[in-house]
């Protein structure tokens, strides 16, 4: 493990993956599927596990309940080498879970229970420990709403004050707050990493460079837009601009691709690679994720 230590903050959950689901059965009906699997999910936990597998010393901060799902999730994290002393186990809430329906073209639909992730409070986090890390990554922003807006801005500001670089990856906003919740955070982000789909909800369009410029004007230092099968795009406040095509791979399931992109990109930062190479490594991480079922 390198001395570049990362703390991932955000949503932790268990995915129940079902494939293929091209149509739902009628009420009271039954349709056969090929696979039903349980897997660790959640943007922050996916990125933490991928980073650990890439040889980066990684801790995870979040919250789970005290139930079978949390037993499974924490076991997966321990086995993957993720440090979890910052995880909170709250017996009063249930562990978050998502039913992931994957169709025959690898497209996903979700049924999601926010559960424990809806109960992550500022008081659960040991911000005084930030000085032991080099980088803070926020995964799945919008899916732990108690930290929306000013609380998350405070967390990011404190991380930067203690010398960390910061990154944030969005998720789908179930409560439709979007820019209202994001805007306070942008001035404290070294790397903002949304997907094209999320950019459209945040800004109303997906003109890649125009969108990146808009986020830079709102304070982000570097914007990386994940573009799925089109690869990725990066624009830095100093004018550096890169596009990177994705590696060719067979797409089985796109669950967790964005999270593994973030892990690849941060791994590149840990190696002090230039931004173009970090972007390519992010694409490689995403490609690995889509090549098999689950995150």
C-alpha atoms as a PDB file:
ATOM      1  CA  UNK A   1       0.000   0.000   0.000  1.00  0.00           C
ATOM      2  CA  UNK A   2       1.243   3.497  -0.813  1.00  0.00           C
ATOM      3  CA  UNK A   3       1.318   6.427   1.617  1.00  0.00           C
ATOM      4  CA  UNK A   4      -1.492   8.033  -0.430  1.00  0.00           C
ATOM      5  CA  UNK A   5      -4.448   7.287   1.847  1.00  0.00           C
ATOM      6  CA  UNK A   6      -8.014   7.874   0.694  1.00  0.00           C
ATOM      7  CA  UNK A   7     -11.189   8.223   2.725  1.00  0.00           C
ATOM      8  CA  UNK A   8     -14.425   7.536   0.861  1.00  0.00           C
ATOM      9  CA  UNK A   9     -17.580   9.062   2.315  1.00  0.00           C
ATOM     10  CA  UNK A  10     -21.103   8.234   1.254  1.00  0.00           C
ATOM     11  CA  UNK A  11     -23.681   5.593   0.576  1.00  0.00           C
ATOM     12  CA  UNK A  12     -23.167   1.937   1.437  1.00  0.00           C
ATOM     13  CA  UNK A  13     -25.734  -0.669   0.475  1.00  0.00           C
ATOM     14  CA  UNK A  14     -26.387  -4.165  -0.794  1.00  0.00           C
ATOM     15  CA  UNK A  15     -27.486  -4.770  -4.384  1.00  0.00           C
ATOM     16  CA  UNK A  16     -29.786  -7.625  -5.328  1.00  0.00           C
ATOM     17  CA  UNK A  17     -29.140  -8.052  -9.053  1.00  0.00           C
ATOM     18  CA  UNK A  18     -31.666  -9.725 -11.333  1.00  0.00           C
ATOM     19  CA  UNK A  19     -30.871 -10.499 -14.995  1.00  0.00           C
ATOM     20  CA  UNK A  20     -32.296 -10.377 -17.607  1.00  0.00           C
ATOM     21  CA  UNK A  21     -35.433  -8.343 -16.957  1.00  0.00           C
ATOM     22  CA  UNK A  22     -36.893  -7.013 -20.216  1.00  0.00           C
ATOM     23  CA  UNK A  23     -40.459  -6.831 -18.883  1.00  0.00           C
ATOM     24  CA  UNK A  24     -42.179  -7.127 -15.537  1.00  0.00           C
ATOM     25  CA  UNK A  25     -44.626  -9.994 -14.945  1.00  0.00           C
ATOM     26  CA  UNK A  26     -48.338  -9.179 -14.767  1.00  0.00           C
ATOM     27  CA  UNK A  27     -49.864  -8.720 -11.310  1.00  0.00           C
ATOM     28  CA  UNK A  28     -49.689 -12.088  -9.586  1.00  0.00           C
ATOM     29  CA  UNK A  29     -47.654 -13.518 -12.482  1.00  0.00           C
ATOM     30  CA  UNK A  30     -44.182 -15.056 -12.774  1.00  0.00           C
ATOM     31  CA  UNK A  31     -41.360 -14.658 -15.286  1.00  0.00           C
ATOM     32  CA  UNK A  32     -38.100 -16.672 -15.324  1.00  0.00           C
ATOM     33  CA  UNK A  33     -34.667 -15.004 -15.106  1.00  0.00           C
ATOM     34  CA  UNK A  34     -31.147 -16.376 -15.508  1.00  0.00           C
ATOM     35  CA  UNK A  35     -29.441 -14.834 -12.485  1.00  0.00           C
ATOM     36  CA  UNK A  36     -30.253 -13.458  -9.058  1.00  0.00           C
ATOM     37  CA  UNK A  37     -27.206 -12.384  -7.050  1.00  0.00           C
ATOM     38  CA  UNK A  38     -26.462 -10.376  -3.935  1.00  0.00           C
ATOM     39  CA  UNK A  39     -23.496  -8.008  -4.134  1.00  0.00           C
ATOM     40  CA  UNK A  40     -21.981  -5.080  -2.306  1.00  0.00           C
ATOM     41  CA  UNK A  41     -23.294  -1.830  -3.758  1.00  0.00           C
ATOM     42  CA  UNK A  42     -23.311   1.877  -3.063  1.00  0.00           C
ATOM     43  CA  UNK A  43     -21.191   4.454  -4.839  1.00  0.00           C
ATOM     44  CA  UNK A  44     -18.832   5.140  -1.928  1.00  0.00           C
ATOM     45  CA  UNK A  45     -18.358   1.468  -1.012  1.00  0.00           C
ATOM     46  CA  UNK A  46     -17.865   0.445  -4.660  1.00  0.00           C
ATOM     47  CA  UNK A  47     -15.142   3.058  -5.110  1.00  0.00           C
ATOM     48  CA  UNK A  48     -13.501   2.184  -1.788  1.00  0.00           C
ATOM     49  CA  UNK A  49     -13.385  -1.517  -2.634  1.00  0.00           C
ATOM     50  CA  UNK A  50     -12.028  -0.861  -6.135  1.00  0.00           C
ATOM     51  CA  UNK A  51      -9.347   1.488  -4.758  1.00  0.00           C
ATOM     52  CA  UNK A  52      -8.273  -1.119  -2.221  1.00  0.00           C
ATOM     53  CA  UNK A  53      -8.019  -3.730  -4.979  1.00  0.00           C
ATOM     54  CA  UNK A  54      -5.842  -1.279  -6.900  1.00  0.00           C
ATOM     55  CA  UNK A  55      -3.443  -1.097  -3.970  1.00  0.00           C
ATOM     56  CA  UNK A  56      -4.563   2.213  -2.475  1.00  0.00           C
ATOM     57  CA  UNK A  57      -4.950   2.372   1.306  1.00  0.00           C
ATOM     58  CA  UNK A  58      -8.648   3.223   1.687  1.00  0.00           C
ATOM     59  CA  UNK A  59     -11.072   3.879   4.542  1.00  0.00           C
ATOM     60  CA  UNK A  60     -14.846   4.071   4.245  1.00  0.00           C
ATOM     61  CA  UNK A  61     -17.152   6.320   6.250  1.00  0.00           C
ATOM     62  CA  UNK A  62     -20.886   5.714   6.174  1.00  0.00           C
ATOM     63  CA  UNK A  63     -23.742   4.057   8.018  1.00  0.00           C
ATOM     64  CA  UNK A  64     -25.476   0.671   8.007  1.00  0.00           C
ATOM     65  CA  UNK A  65     -28.064  -1.019  10.207  1.00  0.00           C
ATOM     66  CA  UNK A  66     -27.562  -4.101  12.335  1.00  0.00           C
ATOM     67  CA  UNK A  67     -29.014  -6.800  10.085  1.00  0.00           C
ATOM     68  CA  UNK A  68     -28.122  -9.500   7.560  1.00  0.00           C
ATOM     69  CA  UNK A  69     -27.439  -6.964   4.817  1.00  0.00           C
ATOM     70  CA  UNK A  70     -24.930  -5.085   6.972  1.00  0.00           C
ATOM     71  CA  UNK A  71     -23.237  -8.360   7.968  1.00  0.00           C
ATOM     72  CA  UNK A  72     -22.794  -9.127   4.273  1.00  0.00           C
ATOM     73  CA  UNK A  73     -21.604  -5.610   3.358  1.00  0.00           C
ATOM     74  CA  UNK A  74     -19.072  -5.280   6.179  1.00  0.00           C
ATOM     75  CA  UNK A  75     -17.704  -8.757   5.478  1.00  0.00           C
ATOM     76  CA  UNK A  76     -17.195  -7.880   1.808  1.00  0.00           C
ATOM     77  CA  UNK A  77     -15.391  -4.669   2.761  1.00  0.00           C
ATOM     78  CA  UNK A  78     -13.106  -6.390   5.262  1.00  0.00           C
ATOM     79  CA  UNK A  79     -12.245  -9.127   2.794  1.00  0.00           C
ATOM     80  CA  UNK A  80     -11.481  -6.444   0.210  1.00  0.00           C
ATOM     81  CA  UNK A  81      -8.999  -4.726   2.517  1.00  0.00           C
ATOM     82  CA  UNK A  82     -11.082  -1.594   3.175  1.00  0.00           C
ATOM     83  CA  UNK A  83     -10.583  -0.024   6.604  1.00  0.00           C
ATOM     84  CA  UNK A  84     -14.034   0.387   8.198  1.00  0.00           C
ATOM     85  CA  UNK A  85     -13.525   1.847  11.676  1.00  0.00           C
ATOM     86  CA  UNK A  86     -15.323   4.969  10.415  1.00  0.00           C
ATOM     87  CA  UNK A  87     -18.464   2.996   9.558  1.00  0.00           C
ATOM     88  CA  UNK A  88     -21.388   3.541  11.906  1.00  0.00           C
ATOM     89  CA  UNK A  89     -23.663   0.595  12.778  1.00  0.00           C
ATOM     90  CA  UNK A  90     -27.040   1.897  13.926  1.00  0.00           C
ATOM     91  CA  UNK A  91     -29.498  -0.710  15.268  1.00  0.00           C
ATOM     92  CA  UNK A  92     -32.371   1.762  14.893  1.00  0.00           C
ATOM     93  CA  UNK A  93     -32.229   1.773  11.084  1.00  0.00           C
ATOM     94  CA  UNK A  94     -32.066  -0.835   8.330  1.00  0.00           C
ATOM     95  CA  UNK A  95     -29.215  -1.181   5.880  1.00  0.00           C
ATOM     96  CA  UNK A  96     -29.867   0.411   2.521  1.00  0.00           C
ATOM     97  CA  UNK A  97     -30.563  -1.967  -0.366  1.00  0.00           C
ATOM     98  CA  UNK A  98     -31.302  -1.745  -4.087  1.00  0.00           C
ATOM     99  CA  UNK A  99     -33.036  -4.173  -6.407  1.00  0.00           C
ATOM    100  CA  UNK A 100     -31.132  -3.826  -9.703  1.00  0.00           C
ATOM    101  CA  UNK A 101     -33.035  -5.008 -12.777  1.00  0.00           C
ATOM    102  CA  UNK A 102     -30.633  -5.570 -15.681  1.00  0.00           C
ATOM    103  CA  UNK A 103     -32.126  -6.051 -19.155  1.00  0.00           C
ATOM    104  CA  UNK A 104     -30.679  -8.087 -22.024  1.00  0.00           C
ATOM    105  CA  UNK A 105     -28.857  -4.977 -23.320  1.00  0.00           C
ATOM    106  CA  UNK A 106     -27.160  -4.415 -19.915  1.00  0.00           C
ATOM    107  CA  UNK A 107     -29.347  -1.393 -19.115  1.00  0.00           C
ATOM    108  CA  UNK A 108     -30.303  -0.996 -15.480  1.00  0.00           C
ATOM    109  CA  UNK A 109     -33.396   0.020 -13.535  1.00  0.00           C
ATOM    110  CA  UNK A 110     -33.429   0.390  -9.766  1.00  0.00           C
ATOM    111  CA  UNK A 111     -35.760   0.020  -6.803  1.00  0.00           C
ATOM    112  CA  UNK A 112     -33.939   1.677  -3.920  1.00  0.00           C
ATOM    113  CA  UNK A 113     -34.378   1.941  -0.163  1.00  0.00           C
ATOM    114  CA  UNK A 114     -32.331   4.864   1.205  1.00  0.00           C
ATOM    115  CA  UNK A 115     -32.709   3.524   4.794  1.00  0.00           C
ATOM    116  CA  UNK A 116     -29.469   3.981   6.821  1.00  0.00           C
ATOM    117  CA  UNK A 117     -28.034   6.373   4.240  1.00  0.00           C
ATOM    118  CA  UNK A 118     -30.870   8.743   5.131  1.00  0.00           C
ATOM    119  CA  UNK A 119     -29.447   8.923   8.656  1.00  0.00           C
ATOM    120  CA  UNK A 120     -25.808   9.919   8.084  1.00  0.00           C
ATOM    121  CA  UNK A 121     -25.288  13.079  10.128  1.00  0.00           C
ATOM    122  CA  UNK A 122     -22.338  15.423  10.464  1.00  0.00           C
ATOM    123  CA  UNK A 123     -21.948  14.200  14.058  1.00  0.00           C
ATOM    124  CA  UNK A 124     -21.271  10.658  12.751  1.00  0.00           C
ATOM    125  CA  UNK A 125     -18.068  11.788  11.032  1.00  0.00           C
ATOM    126  CA  UNK A 126     -14.677  12.264  12.680  1.00  0.00           C
ATOM    127  CA  UNK A 127     -13.507  15.251  10.672  1.00  0.00           C
ATOM    128  CA  UNK A 128     -10.570  15.715  13.035  1.00  0.00           C
ATOM    129  CA  UNK A 129      -9.101  12.525  11.494  1.00  0.00           C
ATOM    130  CA  UNK A 130      -8.844  14.057   8.024  1.00  0.00           C
ATOM    131  CA  UNK A 131      -5.171  14.889   8.558  1.00  0.00           C
ATOM    132  CA  UNK A 132      -4.323  11.166   8.343  1.00  0.00           C
ATOM    133  CA  UNK A 133      -5.475  11.059   4.686  1.00  0.00           C
ATOM    134  CA  UNK A 134      -4.359  12.565   1.377  1.00  0.00           C
ATOM    135  CA  UNK A 135      -7.675  12.548  -0.480  1.00  0.00           C
ATOM    136  CA  UNK A 136     -11.406  12.676   0.298  1.00  0.00           C
ATOM    137  CA  UNK A 137     -13.809  11.136  -2.200  1.00  0.00           C
ATOM    138  CA  UNK A 138     -17.557  11.667  -1.787  1.00  0.00           C
ATOM    139  CA  UNK A 139     -19.482   8.913  -3.564  1.00  0.00           C
ATOM    140  CA  UNK A 140     -23.172   8.917  -4.411  1.00  0.00           C
ATOM    141  CA  UNK A 141     -23.893  12.515  -3.451  1.00  0.00           C
ATOM    142  CA  UNK A 142     -27.678  13.168  -3.256  1.00  0.00           C
ATOM    143  CA  UNK A 143     -28.268   9.702  -1.693  1.00  0.00           C
ATOM    144  CA  UNK A 144     -27.520  10.707   1.930  1.00  0.00           C
ATOM    145  CA  UNK A 145     -29.659  13.853   2.177  1.00  0.00           C
ATOM    146  CA  UNK A 146     -28.846  14.877   5.759  1.00  0.00           C
ATOM    147  CA  UNK A 147     -25.471  16.100   4.443  1.00  0.00           C
ATOM    148  CA  UNK A 148     -26.886  18.006   1.461  1.00  0.00           C
ATOM    149  CA  UNK A 149     -25.674  21.491   0.679  1.00  0.00           C
ATOM    150  CA  UNK A 150     -24.008  23.433   3.490  1.00  0.00           C
ATOM    151  CA  UNK A 151     -23.066  20.393   5.664  1.00  0.00           C
ATOM    152  CA  UNK A 152     -21.232  18.769   2.751  1.00  0.00           C
ATOM    153  CA  UNK A 153     -19.609  22.080   1.834  1.00  0.00           C
ATOM    154  CA  UNK A 154     -18.381  22.281   5.437  1.00  0.00           C
ATOM    155  CA  UNK A 155     -16.945  18.748   5.213  1.00  0.00           C
ATOM    156  CA  UNK A 156     -15.147  19.475   1.941  1.00  0.00           C
ATOM    157  CA  UNK A 157     -13.843  22.819   3.190  1.00  0.00           C
ATOM    158  CA  UNK A 158     -12.463  21.168   6.341  1.00  0.00           C
ATOM    159  CA  UNK A 159     -10.814  18.424   4.286  1.00  0.00           C
ATOM    160  CA  UNK A 160      -9.052  21.012   2.131  1.00  0.00           C
ATOM    161  CA  UNK A 161      -8.062  22.992   5.237  1.00  0.00           C
ATOM    162  CA  UNK A 162      -6.344  19.857   6.559  1.00  0.00           C
ATOM    163  CA  UNK A 163      -4.452  19.423   3.288  1.00  0.00           C
ATOM    164  CA  UNK A 164      -6.561  16.874   1.402  1.00  0.00           C
ATOM    165  CA  UNK A 165      -7.527  17.007  -2.240  1.00  0.00           C
ATOM    166  CA  UNK A 166     -11.242  16.385  -2.788  1.00  0.00           C
ATOM    167  CA  UNK A 167     -13.484  14.719  -5.350  1.00  0.00           C
ATOM    168  CA  UNK A 168     -17.224  14.213  -5.599  1.00  0.00           C
ATOM    169  CA  UNK A 169     -19.263  11.826  -7.717  1.00  0.00           C
ATOM    170  CA  UNK A 170     -22.988  12.458  -7.972  1.00  0.00           C
ATOM    171  CA  UNK A 171     -25.835   9.960  -8.161  1.00  0.00           C
ATOM    172  CA  UNK A 172     -29.472  10.272  -9.171  1.00  0.00           C
ATOM    173  CA  UNK A 173     -31.270  12.791  -6.948  1.00  0.00           C
ATOM    174  CA  UNK A 174     -34.386  11.035  -5.681  1.00  0.00           C
ATOM    175  CA  UNK A 175     -35.672  14.277  -4.141  1.00  0.00           C
ATOM    176  CA  UNK A 176     -35.060  16.439  -7.213  1.00  0.00           C
ATOM    177  CA  UNK A 177     -32.885  19.075  -5.529  1.00  0.00           C
ATOM    178  CA  UNK A 178     -29.978  18.815  -7.979  1.00  0.00           C
ATOM    179  CA  UNK A 179     -28.154  22.160  -8.318  1.00  0.00           C
ATOM    180  CA  UNK A 180     -29.588  23.566  -5.103  1.00  0.00           C
ATOM    181  CA  UNK A 181     -27.857  20.803  -3.123  1.00  0.00           C
ATOM    182  CA  UNK A 182     -24.686  20.755  -5.233  1.00  0.00           C
ATOM    183  CA  UNK A 183     -23.854  24.445  -5.691  1.00  0.00           C
ATOM    184  CA  UNK A 184     -22.473  25.093  -2.144  1.00  0.00           C
ATOM    185  CA  UNK A 185     -20.002  22.214  -2.603  1.00  0.00           C
ATOM    186  CA  UNK A 186     -18.424  23.182  -5.922  1.00  0.00           C
ATOM    187  CA  UNK A 187     -15.950  25.803  -4.575  1.00  0.00           C
ATOM    188  CA  UNK A 188     -14.385  23.093  -2.390  1.00  0.00           C
ATOM    189  CA  UNK A 189     -13.958  20.445  -5.080  1.00  0.00           C
ATOM    190  CA  UNK A 190     -10.626  19.733  -6.733  1.00  0.00           C
ATOM    191  CA  UNK A 191     -12.364  17.164  -8.964  1.00  0.00           C
ATOM    192  CA  UNK A 192     -16.067  17.101  -9.809  1.00  0.00           C
ATOM    193  CA  UNK A 193     -17.018  13.815 -11.541  1.00  0.00           C
ATOM    194  CA  UNK A 194     -20.669  13.655 -12.725  1.00  0.00           C
ATOM    195  CA  UNK A 195     -22.130  11.464 -15.455  1.00  0.00           C
ATOM    196  CA  UNK A 196     -23.629  12.901 -18.636  1.00  0.00           C
ATOM    197  CA  UNK A 197     -27.104  11.918 -17.478  1.00  0.00           C
ATOM    198  CA  UNK A 198     -26.655  13.781 -14.192  1.00  0.00           C
ATOM    199  CA  UNK A 199     -25.198  16.813 -15.983  1.00  0.00           C
ATOM    200  CA  UNK A 200     -28.405  17.075 -17.999  1.00  0.00           C
ATOM    201  CA  UNK A 201     -30.481  17.217 -14.805  1.00  0.00           C
ATOM    202  CA  UNK A 202     -28.110  19.730 -13.195  1.00  0.00           C
ATOM    203  CA  UNK A 203     -27.828  22.122 -16.145  1.00  0.00           C
ATOM    204  CA  UNK A 204     -30.618  21.196 -18.542  1.00  0.00           C
ATOM    205  CA  UNK A 205     -28.277  20.137 -21.359  1.00  0.00           C
ATOM    206  CA  UNK A 206     -25.401  17.752 -22.131  1.00  0.00           C
ATOM    207  CA  UNK A 207     -23.134  19.987 -24.209  1.00  0.00           C
ATOM    208  CA  UNK A 208     -19.976  18.575 -22.663  1.00  0.00           C
ATOM    209  CA  UNK A 209     -17.525  21.469 -22.805  1.00  0.00           C
ATOM    210  CA  UNK A 210     -20.176  24.089 -22.092  1.00  0.00           C
ATOM    211  CA  UNK A 211     -21.266  22.089 -19.039  1.00  0.00           C
ATOM    212  CA  UNK A 212     -17.712  21.715 -17.752  1.00  0.00           C
ATOM    213  CA  UNK A 213     -17.162  25.468 -18.119  1.00  0.00           C
ATOM    214  CA  UNK A 214     -20.336  26.138 -16.132  1.00  0.00           C
ATOM    215  CA  UNK A 215     -19.117  23.993 -13.225  1.00  0.00           C
ATOM    216  CA  UNK A 216     -15.693  25.660 -13.327  1.00  0.00           C
ATOM    217  CA  UNK A 217     -17.364  29.064 -13.089  1.00  0.00           C
ATOM    218  CA  UNK A 218     -19.210  27.839  -9.989  1.00  0.00           C
ATOM    219  CA  UNK A 219     -15.918  27.012  -8.294  1.00  0.00           C
ATOM    220  CA  UNK A 220     -14.793  23.492  -9.192  1.00  0.00           C
ATOM    221  CA  UNK A 221     -11.076  23.295 -10.104  1.00  0.00           C
ATOM    222  CA  UNK A 222     -11.374  20.353 -12.491  1.00  0.00           C
ATOM    223  CA  UNK A 223     -14.459  18.772 -14.099  1.00  0.00           C
ATOM    224  CA  UNK A 224     -14.506  15.197 -15.379  1.00  0.00           C
ATOM    225  CA  UNK A 225     -17.664  14.094 -17.206  1.00  0.00           C
ATOM    226  CA  UNK A 226     -18.287  10.348 -17.538  1.00  0.00           C
ATOM    227  CA  UNK A 227     -19.816   9.675 -20.950  1.00  0.00           C
ATOM    228  CA  UNK A 228     -20.423   5.912 -20.860  1.00  0.00           C
ATOM    229  CA  UNK A 229     -19.673   4.220 -24.173  1.00  0.00           C
ATOM    230  CA  UNK A 230     -18.254   7.550 -25.431  1.00  0.00           C
ATOM    231  CA  UNK A 231     -15.502   7.575 -22.806  1.00  0.00           C
ATOM    232  CA  UNK A 232     -14.789  10.630 -20.675  1.00  0.00           C
ATOM    233  CA  UNK A 233     -13.970  14.340 -20.873  1.00  0.00           C
ATOM    234  CA  UNK A 234     -11.841  16.528 -18.595  1.00  0.00           C
ATOM    235  CA  UNK A 235     -11.516  20.306 -18.362  1.00  0.00           C
ATOM    236  CA  UNK A 236      -9.216  21.938 -15.806  1.00  0.00           C
ATOM    237  CA  UNK A 237      -9.382  25.549 -14.656  1.00  0.00           C
ATOM    238  CA  UNK A 238      -5.887  26.075 -16.083  1.00  0.00           C
ATOM    239  CA  UNK A 239      -7.226  25.305 -19.560  1.00  0.00           C
ATOM    240  CA  UNK A 240      -6.060  21.706 -19.912  1.00  0.00           C
ATOM    241  CA  UNK A 241      -8.666  19.734 -21.811  1.00  0.00           C
ATOM    242  CA  UNK A 242      -8.702  16.031 -22.688  1.00  0.00           C
ATOM    243  CA  UNK A 243     -11.036  13.411 -24.097  1.00  0.00           C
ATOM    244  CA  UNK A 244     -10.380   9.711 -23.624  1.00  0.00           C
ATOM    245  CA  UNK A 245     -12.165   6.917 -25.514  1.00  0.00           C
ATOM    246  CA  UNK A 246     -13.137   3.811 -23.538  1.00  0.00           C
ATOM    247  CA  UNK A 247     -11.281   0.512 -23.963  1.00  0.00           C
ATOM    248  CA  UNK A 248     -13.118  -2.009 -26.110  1.00  0.00           C
ATOM    249  CA  UNK A 249     -14.917  -4.534 -23.920  1.00  0.00           C
ATOM    250  CA  UNK A 250     -18.006  -6.709 -23.871  1.00  0.00           C
ATOM    251  CA  UNK A 251     -20.712  -4.996 -21.826  1.00  0.00           C
ATOM    252  CA  UNK A 252     -22.474  -7.369 -19.424  1.00  0.00           C
ATOM    253  CA  UNK A 253     -23.768  -4.966 -16.770  1.00  0.00           C
ATOM    254  CA  UNK A 254     -23.023  -1.258 -16.284  1.00  0.00           C
ATOM    255  CA  UNK A 255     -23.676  -1.316 -12.502  1.00  0.00           C
ATOM    256  CA  UNK A 256     -20.797   0.373 -10.680  1.00  0.00           C
ATOM    257  CA  UNK A 257     -19.002   1.535 -13.833  1.00  0.00           C
ATOM    258  CA  UNK A 258     -18.925   5.173 -12.716  1.00  0.00           C
ATOM    259  CA  UNK A 259     -17.707   4.214  -9.245  1.00  0.00           C
ATOM    260  CA  UNK A 260     -14.865   2.143 -10.692  1.00  0.00           C
ATOM    261  CA  UNK A 261     -14.031   5.010 -13.058  1.00  0.00           C
ATOM    262  CA  UNK A 262     -13.538   7.197  -9.977  1.00  0.00           C
ATOM    263  CA  UNK A 263     -11.306   4.548  -8.397  1.00  0.00           C
ATOM    264  CA  UNK A 264      -9.143   4.359 -11.515  1.00  0.00           C
ATOM    265  CA  UNK A 265      -8.854   8.136 -11.740  1.00  0.00           C
ATOM    266  CA  UNK A 266      -7.903   8.479  -8.053  1.00  0.00           C
ATOM    267  CA  UNK A 267      -5.403   5.628  -8.408  1.00  0.00           C
ATOM    268  CA  UNK A 268      -3.775   7.685 -11.150  1.00  0.00           C
ATOM    269  CA  UNK A 269      -3.622  10.680  -8.807  1.00  0.00           C
ATOM    270  CA  UNK A 270      -1.960   8.488  -6.167  1.00  0.00           C
ATOM    271  CA  UNK A 271       0.758   7.612  -8.707  1.00  0.00           C
ATOM    272  CA  UNK A 272       1.180  11.321  -9.568  1.00  0.00           C
ATOM    273  CA  UNK A 273       0.275  10.631 -13.173  1.00  0.00           C
ATOM    274  CA  UNK A 274      -0.731  13.495 -15.423  1.00  0.00           C
ATOM    275  CA  UNK A 275      -4.445  14.152 -15.837  1.00  0.00           C
ATOM    276  CA  UNK A 276      -4.654  12.584 -19.287  1.00  0.00           C
ATOM    277  CA  UNK A 277      -3.291   9.292 -17.937  1.00  0.00           C
ATOM    278  CA  UNK A 278      -5.577   9.499 -14.885  1.00  0.00           C
ATOM    279  CA  UNK A 279      -8.513   9.860 -17.262  1.00  0.00           C
ATOM    280  CA  UNK A 280      -7.433   6.795 -19.247  1.00  0.00           C
ATOM    281  CA  UNK A 281      -7.035   4.764 -16.065  1.00  0.00           C
ATOM    282  CA  UNK A 282     -10.513   5.855 -15.008  1.00  0.00           C
ATOM    283  CA  UNK A 283     -11.888   4.552 -18.304  1.00  0.00           C
ATOM    284  CA  UNK A 284     -10.078   1.263 -17.749  1.00  0.00           C
ATOM    285  CA  UNK A 285     -11.663   0.937 -14.307  1.00  0.00           C
ATOM    286  CA  UNK A 286     -15.109   1.513 -15.783  1.00  0.00           C
ATOM    287  CA  UNK A 287     -14.442  -1.026 -18.535  1.00  0.00           C
ATOM    288  CA  UNK A 288     -13.490  -3.672 -15.970  1.00  0.00           C
ATOM    289  CA  UNK A 289     -16.741  -3.027 -14.125  1.00  0.00           C
ATOM    290  CA  UNK A 290     -19.018  -3.441 -17.153  1.00  0.00           C
ATOM    291  CA  UNK A 291     -17.426  -6.733 -18.174  1.00  0.00           C
ATOM    292  CA  UNK A 292     -19.253  -8.730 -15.493  1.00  0.00           C
ATOM    293  CA  UNK A 293     -22.464  -8.797 -13.485  1.00  0.00           C
ATOM    294  CA  UNK A 294     -22.539  -6.518 -10.449  1.00  0.00           C
ATOM    295  CA  UNK A 295     -20.544  -3.520  -9.292  1.00  0.00           C
END
